[in-house]
Amino acid sequence: MVDHTPVYSREVVKRALELNASALIIVHNHPPGDPTPSQADKQMTGKVKDTLDAVGLALHDHVVIGRGSIYPSNKTAGSKRPLLECGQRRHKFCR
């Protein structure tokens, strides 16, 4: 079972620069279904943000998609509730 995939900050920055991006939103899924960010997710977000800051790029958000819901980072969440519960609204990620 794969329970994590490494994310290398330098590769994120390299690709952003190749695309002439000025800001990024990181999105990933949690296949088991719980979209709550893990401690590893939070650490990875911090490392990527620090690397992006060093080259003048902004990280707008880190969104985690789980089975039936979407969880934005604490920056945009304002609470610990998921951004979207698929039972409440139709959304392409919930199909």
C-alpha atoms as a PDB file:
ATOM      1  CA  MET A   1       0.000   0.000   0.000  1.00  0.00           C
ATOM      2  CA  VAL A   2       1.256   3.477  -0.865  1.00  0.00           C
ATOM      3  CA  ASP A   3       0.658   5.800   2.075  1.00  0.00           C
ATOM      4  CA  HIS A   4       2.665   8.787   0.867  1.00  0.00           C
ATOM      5  CA  THR A   5       4.306  10.230  -2.203  1.00  0.00           C
ATOM      6  CA  PRO A   6       7.337  12.473  -1.831  1.00  0.00           C
ATOM      7  CA  VAL A   7       7.027  16.048  -3.047  1.00  0.00           C
ATOM      8  CA  TYR A   8      10.286  17.817  -3.815  1.00  0.00           C
ATOM      9  CA  SER A   9      10.103  21.583  -3.415  1.00  0.00           C
ATOM     10  CA  ARG A  10      12.757  22.157  -6.066  1.00  0.00           C
ATOM     11  CA  GLU A  11      10.679  20.250  -8.632  1.00  0.00           C
ATOM     12  CA  VAL A  12       7.564  22.256  -7.756  1.00  0.00           C
ATOM     13  CA  VAL A  13       9.504  25.513  -8.183  1.00  0.00           C
ATOM     14  CA  LYS A  14      11.178  24.292 -11.378  1.00  0.00           C
ATOM     15  CA  ARG A  15       7.821  23.495 -12.978  1.00  0.00           C
ATOM     16  CA  ALA A  16       6.247  26.761 -11.798  1.00  0.00           C
ATOM     17  CA  LEU A  17       9.105  28.727 -13.356  1.00  0.00           C
ATOM     18  CA  GLU A  18       8.829  26.733 -16.599  1.00  0.00           C
ATOM     19  CA  LEU A  19       5.173  27.760 -16.766  1.00  0.00           C
ATOM     20  CA  ASN A  20       5.926  31.398 -15.853  1.00  0.00           C
ATOM     21  CA  ALA A  21       3.609  31.077 -12.858  1.00  0.00           C
ATOM     22  CA  SER A  22       3.480  33.753 -10.208  1.00  0.00           C
ATOM     23  CA  ALA A  23       1.437  31.721  -7.730  1.00  0.00           C
ATOM     24  CA  LEU A  24       0.363  28.145  -7.074  1.00  0.00           C
ATOM     25  CA  ILE A  25      -2.430  26.150  -5.520  1.00  0.00           C
ATOM     26  CA  ILE A  26      -1.331  22.672  -4.484  1.00  0.00           C
ATOM     27  CA  VAL A  27      -3.997  19.972  -4.696  1.00  0.00           C
ATOM     28  CA  HIS A  28      -3.744  16.308  -3.795  1.00  0.00           C
ATOM     29  CA  ASN A  29      -6.029  13.472  -2.826  1.00  0.00           C
ATOM     30  CA  HIS A  30      -6.322  11.136   0.125  1.00  0.00           C
ATOM     31  CA  PRO A  31      -7.514   7.847  -1.449  1.00  0.00           C
ATOM     32  CA  PRO A  32      -8.790   6.370   1.863  1.00  0.00           C
ATOM     33  CA  GLY A  33     -11.297   9.225   1.953  1.00  0.00           C
ATOM     34  CA  ASP A  34     -10.513  11.448   4.964  1.00  0.00           C
ATOM     35  CA  PRO A  35      -9.484  14.857   3.553  1.00  0.00           C
ATOM     36  CA  THR A  36      -8.070  16.116   6.859  1.00  0.00           C
ATOM     37  CA  PRO A  37      -4.447  17.205   6.238  1.00  0.00           C
ATOM     38  CA  SER A  38      -1.884  14.950   7.909  1.00  0.00           C
ATOM     39  CA  GLN A  39       1.129  16.252   9.803  1.00  0.00           C
ATOM     40  CA  ALA A  40       3.233  15.264   6.764  1.00  0.00           C
ATOM     41  CA  ASP A  41       0.907  17.335   4.523  1.00  0.00           C
ATOM     42  CA  LYS A  42       1.398  20.353   6.767  1.00  0.00           C
ATOM     43  CA  GLN A  43       5.182  19.916   6.847  1.00  0.00           C
ATOM     44  CA  MET A  44       5.349  19.519   3.068  1.00  0.00           C
ATOM     45  CA  THR A  45       3.227  22.653   2.610  1.00  0.00           C
ATOM     46  CA  GLY A  46       5.622  24.631   4.809  1.00  0.00           C
ATOM     47  CA  LYS A  47       8.689  23.412   2.914  1.00  0.00           C
ATOM     48  CA  VAL A  48       7.158  24.153  -0.465  1.00  0.00           C
ATOM     49  CA  LYS A  49       5.999  27.597   0.712  1.00  0.00           C
ATOM     50  CA  ASP A  50       9.485  28.466   2.004  1.00  0.00           C
ATOM     51  CA  THR A  51      11.051  27.414  -1.302  1.00  0.00           C
ATOM     52  CA  LEU A  52       8.480  29.350  -3.338  1.00  0.00           C
ATOM     53  CA  ASP A  53       8.978  32.436  -1.159  1.00  0.00           C
ATOM     54  CA  ALA A  54      12.723  32.283  -1.812  1.00  0.00           C
ATOM     55  CA  VAL A  55      12.146  32.765  -5.548  1.00  0.00           C
ATOM     56  CA  GLY A  56       9.267  35.243  -5.288  1.00  0.00           C
ATOM     57  CA  LEU A  57       6.369  32.878  -5.974  1.00  0.00           C
ATOM     58  CA  ALA A  58       3.207  32.749  -3.862  1.00  0.00           C
ATOM     59  CA  LEU A  59       1.437  29.702  -2.494  1.00  0.00           C
ATOM     60  CA  HIS A  60      -2.260  30.577  -2.390  1.00  0.00           C
ATOM     61  CA  ASP A  61      -3.571  27.342  -0.928  1.00  0.00           C
ATOM     62  CA  HIS A  62      -3.113  23.618  -0.392  1.00  0.00           C
ATOM     63  CA  VAL A  63      -6.316  21.675  -0.962  1.00  0.00           C
ATOM     64  CA  VAL A  64      -6.869  18.028   0.008  1.00  0.00           C
ATOM     65  CA  ILE A  65      -9.594  16.052  -1.754  1.00  0.00           C
ATOM     66  CA  GLY A  66     -11.086  13.060   0.032  1.00  0.00           C
ATOM     67  CA  ARG A  67     -13.987  10.754  -0.643  1.00  0.00           C
ATOM     68  CA  GLY A  68     -17.005  13.030  -0.583  1.00  0.00           C
ATOM     69  CA  SER A  69     -15.360  16.266   0.568  1.00  0.00           C
ATOM     70  CA  ILE A  70     -12.688  18.849  -0.138  1.00  0.00           C
ATOM     71  CA  TYR A  71     -10.525  20.360   2.613  1.00  0.00           C
ATOM     72  CA  PRO A  72      -8.661  23.633   2.011  1.00  0.00           C
ATOM     73  CA  SER A  73      -5.664  24.658   4.083  1.00  0.00           C
ATOM     74  CA  ASN A  74      -6.106  26.509   7.367  1.00  0.00           C
ATOM     75  CA  LYS A  75      -5.352  29.712   5.447  1.00  0.00           C
ATOM     76  CA  THR A  76      -8.719  29.601   3.709  1.00  0.00           C
ATOM     77  CA  ALA A  77     -10.732  27.225   5.855  1.00  0.00           C
ATOM     78  CA  GLY A  78     -11.367  29.472   8.825  1.00  0.00           C
ATOM     79  CA  SER A  79     -12.615  26.345  10.565  1.00  0.00           C
ATOM     80  CA  LYS A  80     -11.879  22.651  10.644  1.00  0.00           C
ATOM     81  CA  ARG A  81     -14.859  21.850   8.456  1.00  0.00           C
ATOM     82  CA  PRO A  82     -14.355  20.650   4.885  1.00  0.00           C
ATOM     83  CA  LEU A  83     -14.890  23.252   2.176  1.00  0.00           C
ATOM     84  CA  LEU A  84     -17.380  21.070   0.348  1.00  0.00           C
ATOM     85  CA  GLU A  85     -19.502  18.157   1.478  1.00  0.00           C
ATOM     86  CA  CYS A  86     -20.609  16.338  -1.624  1.00  0.00           C
ATOM     87  CA  GLY A  87     -24.021  15.586  -0.142  1.00  0.00           C
ATOM     88  CA  GLN A  88     -24.707  19.322  -0.011  1.00  0.00           C
ATOM     89  CA  ARG A  89     -23.788  20.389  -3.554  1.00  0.00           C
ATOM     90  CA  ARG A  90     -23.017  18.849  -6.912  1.00  0.00           C
ATOM     91  CA  HIS A  91     -19.369  19.304  -7.800  1.00  0.00           C
ATOM     92  CA  LYS A  92     -17.164  17.668 -10.401  1.00  0.00           C
ATOM     93  CA  PHE A  93     -14.815  16.305  -7.704  1.00  0.00           C
ATOM     94  CA  CYS A  94     -17.695  14.533  -5.964  1.00  0.00           C
ATOM     95  CA  ARG A  95     -18.953  12.468  -8.866  1.00  0.00           C
END
